[in-house]
C-alpha atoms as a PDB file:
ATOM      1  CA  MET A   1     132.901  73.040 154.736  1.00  0.00           C
ATOM      2  CA  LYS A   2     132.239  74.611 158.125  1.00  0.00           C
ATOM      3  CA  LEU A   3     131.523  78.113 156.836  1.00  0.00           C
ATOM      4  CA  LEU A   4     129.075  77.047 154.135  1.00  0.00           C
ATOM      5  CA  SER A   5     127.197  75.068 156.786  1.00  0.00           C
ATOM      6  CA  PHE A   6     127.239  78.220 158.877  1.00  0.00           C
ATOM      7  CA  LEU A   7     125.757  80.140 155.948  1.00  0.00           C
ATOM      8  CA  ALA A   8     123.040  77.520 155.490  1.00  0.00           C
ATOM      9  CA  LEU A   9     122.230  77.683 159.196  1.00  0.00           C
ATOM     10  CA  SER A  10     122.016  81.467 159.000  1.00  0.00           C
ATOM     11  CA  THR A  11     118.745  81.151 157.109  1.00  0.00           C
ATOM     12  CA  LEU A  12     117.307  79.410 160.170  1.00  0.00           C
ATOM     13  CA  VAL A  13     117.725  82.655 162.085  1.00  0.00           C
ATOM     14  CA  THR A  14     115.014  84.267 159.974  1.00  0.00           C
ATOM     15  CA  PRO A  15     113.255  81.500 158.012  1.00  0.00           C
ATOM     16  CA  ALA A  16     110.325  83.678 156.913  1.00  0.00           C
ATOM     17  CA  PHE A  17     112.723  86.285 155.544  1.00  0.00           C
ATOM     18  CA  ALA A  18     114.807  83.644 153.757  1.00  0.00           C
ATOM     19  CA  GLN A  19     111.709  82.129 152.142  1.00  0.00           C
ATOM     20  CA  GLU A  20     110.470  85.543 151.048  1.00  0.00           C
ATOM     21  CA  MET A  21     113.884  86.329 149.555  1.00  0.00           C
ATOM     22  CA  ARG A  22     114.005  83.038 147.633  1.00  0.00           C
ATOM     23  CA  GLN A  23     110.572  83.695 146.159  1.00  0.00           C
ATOM     24  CA  MET A  24     111.429  87.284 145.224  1.00  0.00           C
ATOM     25  CA  GLY A  25     114.852  86.491 143.793  1.00  0.00           C
ATOM     26  CA  SER A  26     113.590  83.756 141.500  1.00  0.00           C
ATOM     27  CA  HIS A  27     111.109  85.815 139.513  1.00  0.00           C
ATOM     28  CA  GLU A  28     111.732  89.527 139.972  1.00  0.00           C
ATOM     29  CA  HIS A  29     113.831  90.918 137.150  1.00  0.00           C
ATOM     30  CA  GLY A  30     116.524  93.321 138.259  1.00  0.00           C
ATOM     31  CA  VAL A  31     116.656  91.910 141.805  1.00  0.00           C
ATOM     32  CA  GLY A  32     119.231  89.426 143.034  1.00  0.00           C
ATOM     33  CA  GLN A  33     119.891  87.906 146.432  1.00  0.00           C
ATOM     34  CA  LEU A  34     123.198  87.800 148.301  1.00  0.00           C
ATOM     35  CA  ASP A  35     123.711  85.977 151.599  1.00  0.00           C
ATOM     36  CA  ILE A  36     126.923  86.743 153.494  1.00  0.00           C
ATOM     37  CA  ALA A  37     128.266  84.962 156.581  1.00  0.00           C
ATOM     38  CA  PHE A  38     131.342  85.884 158.622  1.00  0.00           C
ATOM     39  CA  ASP A  39     133.125  83.144 160.583  1.00  0.00           C
ATOM     40  CA  GLY A  40     136.540  83.948 161.991  1.00  0.00           C
ATOM     41  CA  THR A  41     138.766  85.050 159.117  1.00  0.00           C
ATOM     42  CA  GLN A  42     136.447  83.597 156.489  1.00  0.00           C
ATOM     43  CA  ILE A  43     133.546  85.151 154.620  1.00  0.00           C
ATOM     44  CA  ALA A  44     131.075  82.997 152.691  1.00  0.00           C
ATOM     45  CA  MET A  45     128.826  84.533 150.060  1.00  0.00           C
ATOM     46  CA  GLU A  46     125.995  82.990 148.079  1.00  0.00           C
ATOM     47  CA  LEU A  47     124.520  84.882 145.138  1.00  0.00           C
ATOM     48  CA  HIS A  48     121.305  84.172 143.229  1.00  0.00           C
ATOM     49  CA  ALA A  49     120.557  86.399 140.240  1.00  0.00           C
ATOM     50  CA  PRO A  50     117.946  86.092 137.487  1.00  0.00           C
ATOM     51  CA  GLY A  51     119.350  85.316 134.056  1.00  0.00           C
ATOM     52  CA  ALA A  52     117.793  88.520 132.715  1.00  0.00           C
ATOM     53  CA  ASP A  53     119.920  90.574 135.138  1.00  0.00           C
ATOM     54  CA  ILE A  54     123.173  88.928 134.105  1.00  0.00           C
ATOM     55  CA  VAL A  55     122.885  88.148 130.369  1.00  0.00           C
ATOM     56  CA  GLY A  56     119.644  89.887 129.353  1.00  0.00           C
ATOM     57  CA  PHE A  57     117.521  86.746 128.923  1.00  0.00           C
ATOM     58  CA  GLU A  58     116.094  83.964 131.082  1.00  0.00           C
ATOM     59  CA  TYR A  59     115.534  81.222 128.537  1.00  0.00           C
ATOM     60  CA  ALA A  60     118.082  78.439 128.049  1.00  0.00           C
ATOM     61  CA  ALA A  61     120.960  79.591 125.835  1.00  0.00           C
ATOM     62  CA  GLN A  62     120.106  78.622 122.264  1.00  0.00           C
ATOM     63  CA  SER A  63     122.254  80.528 119.813  1.00  0.00           C
ATOM     64  CA  ALA A  64     126.027  80.798 119.680  1.00  0.00           C
ATOM     65  CA  ASP A  65     125.651  84.418 120.840  1.00  0.00           C
ATOM     66  CA  ASP A  66     123.559  83.318 123.862  1.00  0.00           C
ATOM     67  CA  VAL A  67     126.144  80.664 124.758  1.00  0.00           C
ATOM     68  CA  ALA A  68     128.941  83.242 124.478  1.00  0.00           C
ATOM     69  CA  LYS A  69     127.062  85.628 126.798  1.00  0.00           C
ATOM     70  CA  VAL A  70     126.565  82.860 129.374  1.00  0.00           C
ATOM     71  CA  ASP A  71     130.226  81.819 129.173  1.00  0.00           C
ATOM     72  CA  ALA A  72     131.398  85.420 129.588  1.00  0.00           C
ATOM     73  CA  ALA A  73     129.051  85.946 132.546  1.00  0.00           C
ATOM     74  CA  LEU A  74     130.291  82.789 134.271  1.00  0.00           C
ATOM     75  CA  LEU A  75     133.867  84.032 133.984  1.00  0.00           C
ATOM     76  CA  VAL A  76     132.946  87.446 135.434  1.00  0.00           C
ATOM     77  CA  LEU A  77     130.937  85.867 138.259  1.00  0.00           C
ATOM     78  CA  ALA A  78     133.890  83.609 139.101  1.00  0.00           C
ATOM     79  CA  ARG A  79     135.814  86.691 140.290  1.00  0.00           C
ATOM     80  CA  PRO A  80     133.928  87.739 143.433  1.00  0.00           C
ATOM     81  CA  LEU A  81     136.402  90.358 144.633  1.00  0.00           C
ATOM     82  CA  ASP A  82     135.982  92.194 141.315  1.00  0.00           C
ATOM     83  CA  LEU A  83     132.199  92.303 141.870  1.00  0.00           C
ATOM     84  CA  PHE A  84     131.997  92.704 145.646  1.00  0.00           C
ATOM     85  CA  ALA A  85     135.061  94.740 146.618  1.00  0.00           C
ATOM     86  CA  LEU A  86     136.200  94.711 150.210  1.00  0.00           C
ATOM     87  CA  PRO A  87     138.666  97.282 151.604  1.00  0.00           C
ATOM     88  CA  ASP A  88     142.291  96.511 150.696  1.00  0.00           C
ATOM     89  CA  ALA A  89     143.135  96.628 154.416  1.00  0.00           C
ATOM     90  CA  ALA A  90     141.043  93.467 154.941  1.00  0.00           C
ATOM     91  CA  GLN A  91     143.567  91.562 152.776  1.00  0.00           C
ATOM     92  CA  CYS A  92     140.957  89.170 151.375  1.00  0.00           C
ATOM     93  CA  THR A  93     141.688  86.386 148.912  1.00  0.00           C
ATOM     94  CA  VAL A  94     139.399  83.930 147.159  1.00  0.00           C
ATOM     95  CA  VAL A  95     139.532  80.374 148.513  1.00  0.00           C
ATOM     96  CA  THR A  96     136.793  79.000 146.241  1.00  0.00           C
ATOM     97  CA  ALA A  97     134.398  80.404 143.655  1.00  0.00           C
ATOM     98  CA  ASN A  98     131.726  78.057 142.278  1.00  0.00           C
ATOM     99  CA  VAL A  99     129.385  79.454 139.636  1.00  0.00           C
ATOM    100  CA  GLU A 100     126.579  77.819 137.675  1.00  0.00           C
ATOM    101  CA  LEU A 101     123.533  78.600 135.597  1.00  0.00           C
ATOM    102  CA  GLU A 102     120.419  76.836 136.831  1.00  0.00           C
ATOM    103  CA  SER A 103     117.151  76.313 135.023  1.00  0.00           C
ATOM    104  CA  GLU A 104     113.858  76.265 136.900  1.00  0.00           C
ATOM    105  CA  GLY A 105     112.897  72.643 137.401  1.00  0.00           C
ATOM    106  CA  HIS A 106     116.029  71.229 135.763  1.00  0.00           C
ATOM    107  CA  GLY A 107     118.893  71.866 138.179  1.00  0.00           C
ATOM    108  CA  ASP A 108     122.126  72.653 136.369  1.00  0.00           C
ATOM    109  CA  ASP A 109     121.883  73.834 132.766  1.00  0.00           C
ATOM    110  CA  HIS A 110     125.381  75.140 132.417  1.00  0.00           C
ATOM    111  CA  GLU A 111     127.967  74.687 135.062  1.00  0.00           C
ATOM    112  CA  ASP A 112     131.412  76.094 135.648  1.00  0.00           C
ATOM    113  CA  HIS A 113     132.951  75.276 139.004  1.00  0.00           C
ATOM    114  CA  ALA A 114     135.542  77.986 138.663  1.00  0.00           C
ATOM    115  CA  ASP A 115     138.517  78.455 140.931  1.00  0.00           C
ATOM    116  CA  GLU A 116     139.898  81.992 141.260  1.00  0.00           C
ATOM    117  CA  HIS A 117     143.266  80.775 139.993  1.00  0.00           C
ATOM    118  CA  ASP A 118     142.019  78.632 137.113  1.00  0.00           C
ATOM    119  CA  HIS A 119     139.590  80.360 134.765  1.00  0.00           C
ATOM    120  CA  ALA A 120     140.015  77.943 131.876  1.00  0.00           C
ATOM    121  CA  ASP A 121     136.827  77.521 129.912  1.00  0.00           C
ATOM    122  CA  GLU A 122     136.587  73.749 129.914  1.00  0.00           C
ATOM    123  CA  HIS A 123     132.869  73.060 129.906  1.00  0.00           C
ATOM    124  CA  ASP A 124     130.974  71.354 127.142  1.00  0.00           C
ATOM    125  CA  HIS A 125     128.407  73.255 125.071  1.00  0.00           C
ATOM    126  CA  ASP A 126     126.725  70.240 123.497  1.00  0.00           C
ATOM    127  CA  GLY A 127     124.012  70.135 126.185  1.00  0.00           C
ATOM    128  CA  HIS A 128     122.574  73.545 125.391  1.00  0.00           C
ATOM    129  CA  ASP A 129     120.237  72.346 122.654  1.00  0.00           C
ATOM    130  CA  ASP A 130     118.774  69.730 124.980  1.00  0.00           C
ATOM    131  CA  HIS A 131     117.608  72.512 127.280  1.00  0.00           C
ATOM    132  CA  ALA A 132     116.647  75.044 124.622  1.00  0.00           C
ATOM    133  CA  GLN A 133     113.094  73.786 124.397  1.00  0.00           C
ATOM    134  CA  ASP A 134     112.564  73.833 128.172  1.00  0.00           C
ATOM    135  CA  ALA A 135     110.250  76.542 129.446  1.00  0.00           C
ATOM    136  CA  GLY A 136     111.020  78.433 132.639  1.00  0.00           C
ATOM    137  CA  HIS A 137     113.500  80.872 134.016  1.00  0.00           C
ATOM    138  CA  THR A 138     117.221  80.566 134.410  1.00  0.00           C
ATOM    139  CA  GLU A 139     119.144  81.846 137.389  1.00  0.00           C
ATOM    140  CA  PHE A 140     122.842  82.312 138.035  1.00  0.00           C
ATOM    141  CA  HIS A 141     124.002  80.810 141.315  1.00  0.00           C
ATOM    142  CA  ALA A 142     127.418  81.457 142.842  1.00  0.00           C
ATOM    143  CA  GLU A 143     129.038  80.357 146.080  1.00  0.00           C
ATOM    144  CA  TYR A 144     132.198  82.074 147.251  1.00  0.00           C
ATOM    145  CA  LEU A 145     134.546  81.488 150.151  1.00  0.00           C
ATOM    146  CA  LEU A 146     137.002  84.244 151.030  1.00  0.00           C
ATOM    147  CA  ASN A 147     139.770  84.371 153.582  1.00  0.00           C
ATOM    148  CA  CYS A 148     140.655  87.770 155.052  1.00  0.00           C
ATOM    149  CA  GLU A 149     143.869  88.294 156.998  1.00  0.00           C
ATOM    150  CA  ASN A 150     142.321  91.341 158.704  1.00  0.00           C
ATOM    151  CA  VAL A 151     138.597  90.602 158.696  1.00  0.00           C
ATOM    152  CA  ALA A 152     137.955  93.472 161.139  1.00  0.00           C
ATOM    153  CA  ALA A 153     138.793  95.843 158.279  1.00  0.00           C
ATOM    154  CA  ALA A 154     135.999  94.329 156.139  1.00  0.00           C
ATOM    155  CA  SER A 155     133.743  97.219 157.100  1.00  0.00           C
ATOM    156  CA  ALA A 156     132.079  97.766 153.719  1.00  0.00           C
ATOM    157  CA  ILE A 157     131.480  96.128 150.358  1.00  0.00           C
ATOM    158  CA  SER A 158     131.436  98.143 147.129  1.00  0.00           C
ATOM    159  CA  PHE A 159     129.167  96.589 144.526  1.00  0.00           C
ATOM    160  CA  ALA A 160     130.956  96.798 141.164  1.00  0.00           C
ATOM    161  CA  TYR A 161     128.409  94.078 140.328  1.00  0.00           C
ATOM    162  CA  PHE A 162     126.064  96.796 139.038  1.00  0.00           C
ATOM    163  CA  ALA A 163     128.663  98.132 136.604  1.00  0.00           C
ATOM    164  CA  ALA A 164     129.349  94.595 135.349  1.00  0.00           C
ATOM    165  CA  PHE A 165     125.654  93.778 134.868  1.00  0.00           C
ATOM    166  CA  PRO A 166     123.634  96.784 133.601  1.00  0.00           C
ATOM    167  CA  ASN A 167     120.254  95.013 133.923  1.00  0.00           C
ATOM    168  CA  ALA A 168     120.695  94.481 137.679  1.00  0.00           C
ATOM    169  CA  ARG A 169     118.843  97.100 139.754  1.00  0.00           C
ATOM    170  CA  GLU A 170     119.244  95.884 143.330  1.00  0.00           C
ATOM    171  CA  ILE A 171     120.391  93.020 145.515  1.00  0.00           C
ATOM    172  CA  ASP A 172     118.578  91.914 148.641  1.00  0.00           C
ATOM    173  CA  VAL A 173     121.325  91.168 151.147  1.00  0.00           C
ATOM    174  CA  GLN A 174     121.267  89.134 154.339  1.00  0.00           C
ATOM    175  CA  VAL A 175     124.405  89.269 156.509  1.00  0.00           C
ATOM    176  CA  ILE A 176     125.188  87.248 159.616  1.00  0.00           C
ATOM    177  CA  SER A 177     128.191  87.351 161.940  1.00  0.00           C
ATOM    178  CA  ASP A 178     128.959  86.739 165.608  1.00  0.00           C
ATOM    179  CA  ALA A 179     127.905  90.362 166.214  1.00  0.00           C
ATOM    180  CA  GLY A 180     124.403  89.872 164.778  1.00  0.00           C
ATOM    181  CA  ALA A 181     122.447  89.833 161.556  1.00  0.00           C
ATOM    182  CA  MET A 182     120.947  92.367 159.182  1.00  0.00           C
ATOM    183  CA  ALA A 183     118.876  92.387 156.029  1.00  0.00           C
ATOM    184  CA  LEU A 184     118.745  95.259 153.566  1.00  0.00           C
ATOM    185  CA  GLU A 185     118.758  96.216 149.913  1.00  0.00           C
ATOM    186  CA  VAL A 186     121.754  97.473 147.983  1.00  0.00           C
ATOM    187  CA  ALA A 187     120.663  99.456 144.939  1.00  0.00           C
ATOM    188  CA  ARG A 188     122.395 100.516 141.747  1.00  0.00           C
ATOM    189  CA  ASP A 189     122.305 104.193 142.791  1.00  0.00           C
ATOM    190  CA  THR A 190     123.853 103.456 146.236  1.00  0.00           C
ATOM    191  CA  PRO A 191     126.174 100.512 145.540  1.00  0.00           C
ATOM    192  CA  THR A 192     127.869 100.249 148.946  1.00  0.00           C
ATOM    193  CA  LEU A 193     127.036  98.004 151.881  1.00  0.00           C
ATOM    194  CA  ASP A 194     128.119  99.316 155.306  1.00  0.00           C
ATOM    195  CA  LEU A 195     129.183  96.405 157.527  1.00  0.00           C
ATOM    196  CA  SER A 196     130.557  98.478 160.404  1.00  0.00           C
ATOM    197  CA  ASP A 197     127.658  97.510 162.698  1.00  0.00           C
ATOM    198  CA  LEU A 198     128.636  93.842 162.364  1.00  0.00           C
ATOM    199  CA  GLN A 199     132.306  94.247 163.315  1.00  0.00           C
END
């Protein structure tokens, strides 16, 4: 996918920043990381958020209640335009939304490659007990690809993410487009990202 490669290459623009963000995002409760790349009419987003921010715990889901919280979070995270709202004038739609729960040192603990138009809960829960004894932190990882008919109108993003996940305090954001790049923090008390400088 051209745009996801573009997003991966965007970290080469500021490798020290990207490394610092990865280290911060993995272990700082309340702080997630969102990378955004614009390419023509497409917008790619990649989110990393500590398990504690999303479901209130970072251990592998053990109880039925834990599993239910993870499942519910995966469904919410699979709807990027509900979490990261772009202006209606941009006419954005979701092309793909892939969401998973990763465990430090174990790759995928719980995976749901969700498509915006198919939110069926079809994953297997039998593997949770195998990971329950593993130490370490869990992290939610999501990759989104949007298509916007009027990408020039994508001048801001409203972060309903904070309303959906009360434990989240801020997101460190890195944005890249043909017009340049920027890095900043979006906080719960100011949940809007101004993209007008990148249009």
